[in-house]
Amino acid sequence: MRTPEIFDPIRPFEPEELPAVYDRLLADEGFKAVLAYLYPQVPTEAIAAKMRQCATNLDFQKAFCYGFLENLLSKASKGCDMDVSAIDVSRRYTFVSNHRDIVLDSALLDKLLIDCDFTTTCEIAIGDNLLSLPWVRDLVRVNKSFIVERSLPPRQMLLASKRLSEYMHYAIAEKQENIWIAQREGRAKDSDDRTQPAILKMMAMGGEGSPVDRLRQLHIVPLSISYEFDPCDYLKAKELQQRRDTEHFQKAPGDDVLSMRTGIMGYKGRIHYHCASCIDGFLDTLADVPKGELFDVVARHIDREIHRHYRLYPSNYVALDLLEGTCHSGEYTEEDKVFFLRYLEGQLAKIDLEHPDREFLRERMLTMYANPAKNLLSAQ
């Protein structure tokens, strides 16, 4: 089945396009440098031969991404699992999740879908701001990503949003693919995860019928992602001080690359993914909701579902108690508290600012770990 040409600039590559893309990647010095870093003992020719055996995007994910993630998790985590008991693994869904890590949120979901007996992975919404290098743009489209165009004039943005939405509907209904999209643009630096109604409005631009019908056609599943430790916590705290202190602050060109590398390679402790029930049934109850309130109502429902399915760790409870003077000491030991405080000090020491506001940075990092606990307790 050939995807309509209107989606060509944003869709993942089709299987028949892959051989030419592999050739392009293997000729790129930047891509070859990454291969040398990831596979220092493996000749490029062997990797090339293995790539060319991958006839589909899913073949590529299974041949390269799955094993890489298994190896990574063995070194940088205490394990990663997903609860899919609320959904049917034979169906296709749009997973809307909180957003912690630029790369791993969706990459780990792909691995976990395979582990949970889905017959396919998911197509991944990725912002074009992360795709400045041509080989990176090629690679993510091999890896089943579709592109969210962001820096456009208003009229072009409207057209791009409509095309994006129509592609998502096409991927679910015609390609029989799952989709992953973050609940907001960019990561929540303070881990206070809230769905942007604008994301839902975009999703309802495609499809047919009323806005509720269009959302229902995407079979949205709220997905909670819980990391025990966030390797990028100190980078997020640093950026928060920079935004506080510098009017019109703009990230440096290499900041996103540093965040991606740190998030991938850094220690994450335990990781848990939890699928809430598909919201189709909830949408059926919204017939009387005014159109102007609809997307806010749906966003709040997704938030509640994400919040109540977090998995909390001692780090979350310790941070909440330190920040707010509460007492959840039944949820952690003294050893847990000492370990977290040492971890916190170690991360704070990595922040390279000319004038670090230590009190502010510490409070921001505690808030990152406390907010999941606050939101889960509120949702319950």
Protein backbone atom coordinates (compact mmCIF):
# COMPACT_ATOMS: atom_id res chain seq x y z
CA MET A 1 0.00 0.00 0.00
CA ARG A 2 1.53 3.28 -1.14
CA THR A 3 1.12 6.18 1.26
CA PRO A 4 -0.48 9.26 -0.40
CA GLU A 5 2.11 11.70 -1.74
CA ILE A 6 0.82 14.55 0.43
CA PHE A 7 2.50 12.86 3.40
CA ASP A 8 5.89 12.34 1.70
CA PRO A 9 7.70 15.21 3.50
CA ILE A 10 6.78 13.97 6.98
CA ARG A 11 6.14 10.22 6.93
CA PRO A 12 8.57 7.39 7.79
CA PHE A 13 10.34 5.86 4.82
CA GLU A 14 8.54 3.16 2.88
CA PRO A 15 10.23 -0.29 2.64
CA GLU A 16 11.14 0.21 -1.03
CA GLU A 17 12.98 3.43 -0.12
CA LEU A 18 15.18 1.84 2.52
CA PRO A 19 18.06 0.52 0.33
CA ALA A 20 18.80 4.02 -1.00
CA VAL A 21 18.53 5.50 2.51
CA TYR A 22 20.91 2.86 3.87
CA ASP A 23 23.42 3.80 1.16
CA ARG A 24 23.05 7.48 2.04
CA LEU A 25 23.57 6.82 5.74
CA LEU A 26 26.57 4.55 5.22
CA ALA A 27 28.25 7.24 3.10
CA ASP A 28 27.78 9.92 5.79
CA GLU A 29 30.80 10.64 8.00
CA GLY A 30 28.64 11.66 10.95
CA PHE A 31 26.66 8.41 10.86
CA LYS A 32 29.84 6.36 10.49
CA ALA A 33 31.31 8.10 13.54
CA VAL A 34 28.27 7.08 15.58
CA LEU A 35 28.59 3.49 14.36
CA ALA A 36 32.26 3.47 15.38
CA TYR A 37 31.28 4.68 18.86
CA LEU A 38 28.42 2.19 19.30
CA TYR A 39 30.12 -0.80 17.68
CA PRO A 40 33.88 -0.25 18.11
CA GLN A 41 34.81 -3.86 17.34
CA VAL A 42 32.47 -4.36 14.36
CA PRO A 43 33.60 -3.53 10.81
CA THR A 44 31.39 -1.05 8.98
CA GLU A 45 30.98 -3.61 6.18
CA ALA A 46 29.37 -6.08 8.58
CA ILE A 47 26.94 -3.44 9.85
CA ALA A 48 26.13 -2.44 6.27
CA ALA A 49 25.37 -6.04 5.34
CA LYS A 50 23.08 -6.40 8.35
CA MET A 51 21.29 -3.14 7.49
CA ARG A 52 20.68 -4.26 3.92
CA GLN A 53 19.04 -7.43 5.20
CA CYS A 54 16.35 -5.29 6.87
CA ALA A 55 13.53 -5.13 4.32
CA THR A 56 11.18 -3.11 6.54
CA ASN A 57 11.41 -0.44 9.23
CA LEU A 58 10.28 -3.01 11.80
CA ASP A 59 13.08 -5.35 10.67
CA PHE A 60 15.55 -2.51 11.28
CA GLN A 61 14.16 -1.85 14.75
CA LYS A 62 14.39 -5.50 15.71
CA ALA A 63 17.87 -5.94 14.22
CA PHE A 64 19.47 -2.80 15.68
CA CYS A 65 17.32 -0.88 18.16
CA TYR A 66 15.98 -3.75 20.27
CA GLY A 67 19.40 -5.21 21.08
CA PHE A 68 20.91 -1.78 21.70
CA LEU A 69 18.15 -0.97 24.20
CA GLU A 70 18.48 -4.31 25.98
CA ASN A 71 22.21 -3.72 26.39
CA LEU A 72 21.65 -0.13 27.49
CA LEU A 73 19.07 -1.12 30.11
CA SER A 74 21.40 -3.75 31.52
CA LYS A 75 24.02 -1.04 32.18
CA ALA A 76 21.97 2.09 32.93
CA SER A 77 18.88 0.82 34.75
CA LYS A 78 17.57 -1.65 37.30
CA GLY A 79 15.00 -2.93 34.83
CA CYS A 80 12.15 -1.69 32.64
CA ASP A 81 8.62 -3.07 32.35
CA MET A 82 5.16 -2.11 31.10
CA ASP A 83 1.64 -2.88 32.31
CA VAL A 84 -0.72 -3.39 29.34
CA SER A 85 -3.50 -5.12 31.28
CA ALA A 86 -6.00 -2.32 30.46
CA ILE A 87 -5.65 -2.60 26.67
CA ASP A 88 -5.95 -5.22 23.92
CA VAL A 89 -2.56 -5.92 22.32
CA SER A 90 -4.25 -6.99 19.06
CA ARG A 91 -5.56 -3.44 18.49
CA ARG A 92 -3.79 -0.23 17.44
CA TYR A 93 -3.58 2.88 19.60
CA THR A 94 -2.30 6.44 19.85
CA PHE A 95 -0.20 6.49 23.02
CA VAL A 96 -0.21 9.96 24.59
CA SER A 97 2.41 10.10 27.34
CA ASN A 98 4.22 12.37 29.71
CA HIS A 99 7.62 13.35 28.32
CA ARG A 100 10.80 12.77 30.33
CA ASP A 101 13.52 11.86 27.85
CA ILE A 102 13.94 13.16 24.29
CA VAL A 103 14.91 9.80 22.81
CA LEU A 104 14.14 7.02 25.27
CA ASP A 105 10.44 7.69 25.98
CA SER A 106 9.43 6.43 22.54
CA ALA A 107 12.39 4.10 21.96
CA LEU A 108 11.67 2.09 25.10
CA LEU A 109 7.98 1.99 24.21
CA ASP A 110 8.92 0.29 20.93
CA LYS A 111 10.89 -2.39 22.81
CA LEU A 112 8.16 -2.87 25.39
CA LEU A 113 5.44 -3.26 22.75
CA ILE A 114 7.43 -6.15 21.29
CA ASP A 115 7.93 -7.64 24.78
CA CYS A 116 4.18 -7.38 25.44
CA ASP A 117 3.31 -9.31 22.24
CA PHE A 118 2.20 -6.46 20.00
CA THR A 119 2.88 -7.49 16.39
CA THR A 120 4.29 -4.06 15.59
CA THR A 121 5.91 -1.12 17.36
CA CYS A 122 4.77 2.51 16.96
CA GLU A 123 5.30 5.45 14.69
CA ILE A 124 6.87 8.32 16.61
CA ALA A 125 6.04 12.03 16.44
CA ILE A 126 9.32 13.97 16.50
CA GLY A 127 9.86 17.73 16.24
CA ASP A 128 11.91 18.99 13.31
CA ASN A 129 13.93 21.14 15.74
CA LEU A 130 15.82 17.94 16.64
CA LEU A 131 16.60 17.05 13.03
CA SER A 132 19.09 19.66 11.87
CA LEU A 133 21.57 17.02 10.61
CA PRO A 134 20.50 15.27 7.38
CA TRP A 135 21.68 11.84 8.55
CA VAL A 136 19.69 12.18 11.79
CA ARG A 137 16.59 13.06 9.78
CA ASP A 138 17.14 9.97 7.62
CA LEU A 139 17.77 7.70 10.59
CA VAL A 140 14.65 8.66 12.54
CA ARG A 141 12.48 8.12 9.46
CA VAL A 142 14.00 4.65 9.06
CA ASN A 143 13.07 4.16 12.74
CA LYS A 144 9.35 4.79 12.04
CA SER A 145 9.28 8.48 13.01
CA PHE A 146 7.08 11.10 11.39
CA ILE A 147 8.00 14.75 11.51
CA VAL A 148 6.22 17.53 13.42
CA GLU A 149 7.00 20.81 11.64
CA ARG A 150 7.28 23.65 14.14
CA SER A 151 9.02 26.86 13.06
CA LEU A 152 6.57 27.96 10.38
CA PRO A 153 4.54 31.14 9.74
CA PRO A 154 0.96 30.95 11.10
CA ARG A 155 -0.80 30.01 7.84
CA GLN A 156 1.78 27.38 6.96
CA MET A 157 1.63 26.05 10.52
CA LEU A 158 -2.12 25.56 10.21
CA LEU A 159 -1.70 23.60 6.98
CA ALA A 160 1.17 21.57 8.47
CA SER A 161 -0.91 20.74 11.56
CA LYS A 162 -3.79 19.55 9.40
CA ARG A 163 -1.49 17.35 7.33
CA LEU A 164 0.09 15.97 10.50
CA SER A 165 -3.31 15.10 11.94
CA GLU A 166 -4.48 13.53 8.71
CA TYR A 167 -1.32 11.43 8.63
CA MET A 168 -1.91 10.20 12.18
CA HIS A 169 -5.44 9.13 11.25
CA TYR A 170 -4.09 7.42 8.14
CA ALA A 171 -1.41 5.58 10.13
CA ILE A 172 -3.97 4.19 12.59
CA ALA A 173 -6.78 3.37 10.16
CA GLU A 174 -4.98 2.36 6.97
CA LYS A 175 -1.41 1.38 7.92
CA GLN A 176 -2.57 -0.33 11.13
CA GLU A 177 0.28 1.21 13.09
CA ASN A 178 0.45 2.43 16.67
CA ILE A 179 1.47 6.04 17.30
CA TRP A 180 3.38 7.72 20.12
CA ILE A 181 3.08 11.44 20.77
CA ALA A 182 4.04 13.47 23.84
CA GLN A 183 1.23 15.20 25.74
CA ARG A 184 2.97 18.54 25.25
CA GLU A 185 5.59 20.20 23.09
CA GLY A 186 8.93 19.69 24.82
CA ARG A 187 9.64 18.01 28.12
CA ALA A 188 8.06 19.22 31.36
CA LYS A 189 11.19 20.52 33.07
CA ASP A 190 9.56 20.33 36.51
CA SER A 191 7.83 16.94 35.89
CA ASP A 192 4.41 18.55 36.42
CA ASP A 193 2.90 16.67 33.50
CA ARG A 194 -0.05 18.42 31.82
CA THR A 195 -1.60 17.73 28.42
CA GLN A 196 -1.71 20.73 26.11
CA PRO A 197 -5.24 21.07 24.67
CA ALA A 198 -3.59 22.36 21.49
CA ILE A 199 -2.16 18.87 20.90
CA LEU A 200 -5.67 17.43 21.04
CA LYS A 201 -7.02 20.16 18.76
CA MET A 202 -4.37 19.25 16.22
CA MET A 203 -5.27 15.56 16.49
CA ALA A 204 -8.92 16.40 15.80
CA MET A 205 -8.13 18.26 12.57
CA GLY A 206 -7.98 14.95 10.68
CA GLY A 207 -10.59 12.22 10.46
CA GLU A 208 -14.32 12.64 9.95
CA GLY A 209 -17.33 13.72 11.99
CA SER A 210 -17.45 15.76 15.17
CA PRO A 211 -14.33 16.56 17.22
CA VAL A 212 -15.25 13.71 19.57
CA ASP A 213 -15.60 11.33 16.61
CA ARG A 214 -12.19 12.39 15.31
CA LEU A 215 -10.49 11.84 18.66
CA ARG A 216 -12.21 8.47 19.04
CA GLN A 217 -10.86 7.37 15.65
CA LEU A 218 -7.31 7.67 17.05
CA HIS A 219 -8.01 5.31 20.01
CA ILE A 220 -6.03 7.37 22.51
CA VAL A 221 -4.35 5.56 25.41
CA PRO A 222 -2.87 7.71 28.22
CA LEU A 223 0.59 6.33 29.00
CA SER A 224 2.46 6.98 32.25
CA ILE A 225 6.27 6.87 32.13
CA SER A 226 8.09 6.67 35.47
CA TYR A 227 11.88 6.88 35.80
CA GLU A 228 13.38 6.42 39.26
CA PHE A 229 16.17 8.84 38.34
CA ASP A 230 16.35 11.35 35.48
CA PRO A 231 19.92 11.65 34.17
CA CYS A 232 19.02 15.06 32.69
CA ASP A 233 17.69 16.50 35.97
CA TYR A 234 20.73 18.75 36.47
CA LEU A 235 20.57 19.96 32.85
CA LYS A 236 16.90 20.84 33.29
CA ALA A 237 17.66 22.71 36.53
CA LYS A 238 20.46 24.59 34.80
CA GLU A 239 18.14 25.62 31.98
CA LEU A 240 15.50 26.79 34.46
CA GLN A 241 18.02 29.14 36.11
CA GLN A 242 19.15 30.39 32.70
CA ARG A 243 15.55 31.12 31.73
CA ARG A 244 15.02 32.90 35.05
CA ASP A 245 18.15 35.03 34.72
CA THR A 246 18.35 35.72 30.99
CA GLU A 247 15.60 37.53 29.11
CA HIS A 248 14.79 35.87 25.77
CA PHE A 249 17.02 32.92 26.66
CA GLN A 250 17.75 30.57 23.76
CA LYS A 251 19.36 27.16 24.09
CA ALA A 252 22.79 26.75 22.50
CA PRO A 253 22.97 24.62 19.33
CA GLY A 254 24.49 21.65 21.16
CA ASP A 255 22.15 21.63 24.17
CA ASP A 256 19.61 19.19 22.75
CA VAL A 257 22.39 16.85 21.60
CA LEU A 258 23.89 16.92 25.11
CA SER A 259 20.45 16.19 26.62
CA MET A 260 19.92 13.28 24.22
CA ARG A 261 23.32 11.76 24.97
CA THR A 262 22.96 12.26 28.74
CA GLY A 263 19.43 10.87 28.77
CA ILE A 264 20.41 7.78 26.81
CA MET A 265 23.65 6.90 28.59
CA GLY A 266 22.91 8.14 32.14
CA TYR A 267 21.69 5.98 35.03
CA LYS A 268 17.90 5.76 35.33
CA GLY A 269 17.28 3.24 38.10
CA ARG A 270 13.92 1.49 37.73
CA ILE A 271 11.65 2.34 34.78
CA HIS A 272 7.94 1.60 34.51
CA TYR A 273 5.44 2.21 31.70
CA HIS A 274 1.72 1.91 32.45
CA CYS A 275 -1.11 1.99 29.90
CA ALA A 276 -4.43 3.34 31.13
CA SER A 277 -7.65 2.28 29.44
CA CYS A 278 -8.30 3.63 25.95
CA ILE A 279 -10.36 6.82 26.31
CA ASP A 280 -12.93 5.86 23.63
CA GLY A 281 -15.48 5.01 26.33
CA PHE A 282 -14.86 8.30 28.13
CA LEU A 283 -15.33 10.23 24.88
CA ASP A 284 -18.75 8.59 24.50
CA THR A 285 -19.88 10.43 27.66
CA LEU A 286 -19.09 13.91 26.29
CA ALA A 287 -22.06 14.52 24.01
CA ASP A 288 -23.27 17.48 26.08
CA VAL A 289 -19.88 19.16 26.63
CA PRO A 290 -19.73 22.56 24.84
CA LYS A 291 -17.29 22.54 21.92
CA GLY A 292 -15.25 25.36 23.49
CA GLU A 293 -14.60 23.23 26.59
CA LEU A 294 -14.14 19.82 24.95
CA PHE A 295 -10.38 19.74 24.56
CA ASP A 296 -9.80 21.05 28.10
CA VAL A 297 -12.07 18.31 29.47
CA VAL A 298 -10.28 15.59 27.50
CA ALA A 299 -6.86 16.97 28.50
CA ARG A 300 -7.82 16.85 32.19
CA HIS A 301 -9.01 13.25 31.82
CA ILE A 302 -5.71 12.23 30.18
CA ASP A 303 -3.80 14.00 32.95
CA ARG A 304 -5.72 12.15 35.67
CA GLU A 305 -5.08 8.83 33.98
CA ILE A 306 -1.36 9.54 33.58
CA HIS A 307 -1.02 10.80 37.16
CA ARG A 308 -2.83 7.93 38.84
CA HIS A 309 -0.75 5.33 37.03
CA TYR A 310 2.68 6.69 37.93
CA ARG A 311 4.92 4.28 39.75
CA LEU A 312 6.53 6.16 42.64
CA TYR A 313 9.97 5.44 44.06
CA PRO A 314 11.66 6.46 47.33
CA SER A 315 13.23 9.42 45.49
CA ASN A 316 9.76 10.87 44.85
CA TYR A 317 8.62 10.60 48.46
CA VAL A 318 11.92 11.85 49.93
CA ALA A 319 11.83 14.88 47.62
CA LEU A 320 8.21 15.64 48.55
CA ASP A 321 8.96 15.47 52.27
CA LEU A 322 12.07 17.65 51.96
CA LEU A 323 10.23 20.20 49.84
CA GLU A 324 6.95 20.45 51.73
CA GLY A 325 7.69 19.20 55.21
CA THR A 326 5.28 16.29 54.80
CA CYS A 327 5.89 12.83 56.25
CA HIS A 328 5.80 9.81 53.96
CA SER A 329 8.60 8.02 55.79
CA GLY A 330 6.69 4.75 55.53
CA GLU A 331 7.49 4.79 51.82
CA TYR A 332 11.28 4.82 52.21
CA THR A 333 14.09 3.86 54.56
CA GLU A 334 16.78 6.04 56.06
CA GLU A 335 19.21 4.42 53.63
CA ASP A 336 16.94 5.48 50.74
CA LYS A 337 16.99 9.05 52.01
CA VAL A 338 20.77 9.14 52.42
CA PHE A 339 21.24 7.66 48.94
CA PHE A 340 18.94 10.23 47.33
CA LEU A 341 20.59 13.16 49.12
CA ARG A 342 24.02 11.99 47.93
CA TYR A 343 22.65 11.58 44.42
CA LEU A 344 21.18 15.08 44.55
CA GLU A 345 24.48 16.62 45.66
CA GLY A 346 26.33 14.77 42.91
CA GLN A 347 23.96 16.04 40.23
CA LEU A 348 24.08 19.62 41.54
CA ALA A 349 27.89 19.49 41.34
CA LYS A 350 27.64 18.86 37.58
CA ILE A 351 25.91 22.19 36.88
CA ASP A 352 28.37 24.47 35.08
CA LEU A 353 27.01 27.99 35.54
CA GLU A 354 29.13 31.07 36.19
CA HIS A 355 26.89 32.09 39.10
CA PRO A 356 24.91 29.03 40.20
CA ASP A 357 22.04 29.80 42.54
CA ARG A 358 22.48 26.69 44.63
CA GLU A 359 19.29 27.12 46.67
CA PHE A 360 17.18 27.66 43.55
CA LEU A 361 18.78 24.74 41.69
CA ARG A 362 18.27 22.38 44.64
CA GLU A 363 14.63 23.43 44.98
CA ARG A 364 14.04 22.91 41.25
CA MET A 365 15.54 19.42 41.35
CA LEU A 366 13.53 18.45 44.40
CA THR A 367 10.41 19.72 42.63
CA MET A 368 11.14 17.47 39.63
CA TYR A 369 11.05 14.41 41.87
CA ALA A 370 8.23 15.61 44.13
CA ASN A 371 5.69 16.53 41.45
CA PRO A 372 4.88 12.97 40.34
CA ALA A 373 4.11 12.10 43.98
CA LYS A 374 1.97 15.24 44.41
CA ASN A 375 0.05 14.53 41.22
CA LEU A 376 -0.52 10.87 41.97
CA LEU A 377 -1.74 11.61 45.50
CA SER A 378 -4.05 14.32 44.10
CA ALA A 379 -5.41 12.00 41.39
CA GLN A 380 -6.23 9.35 43.95
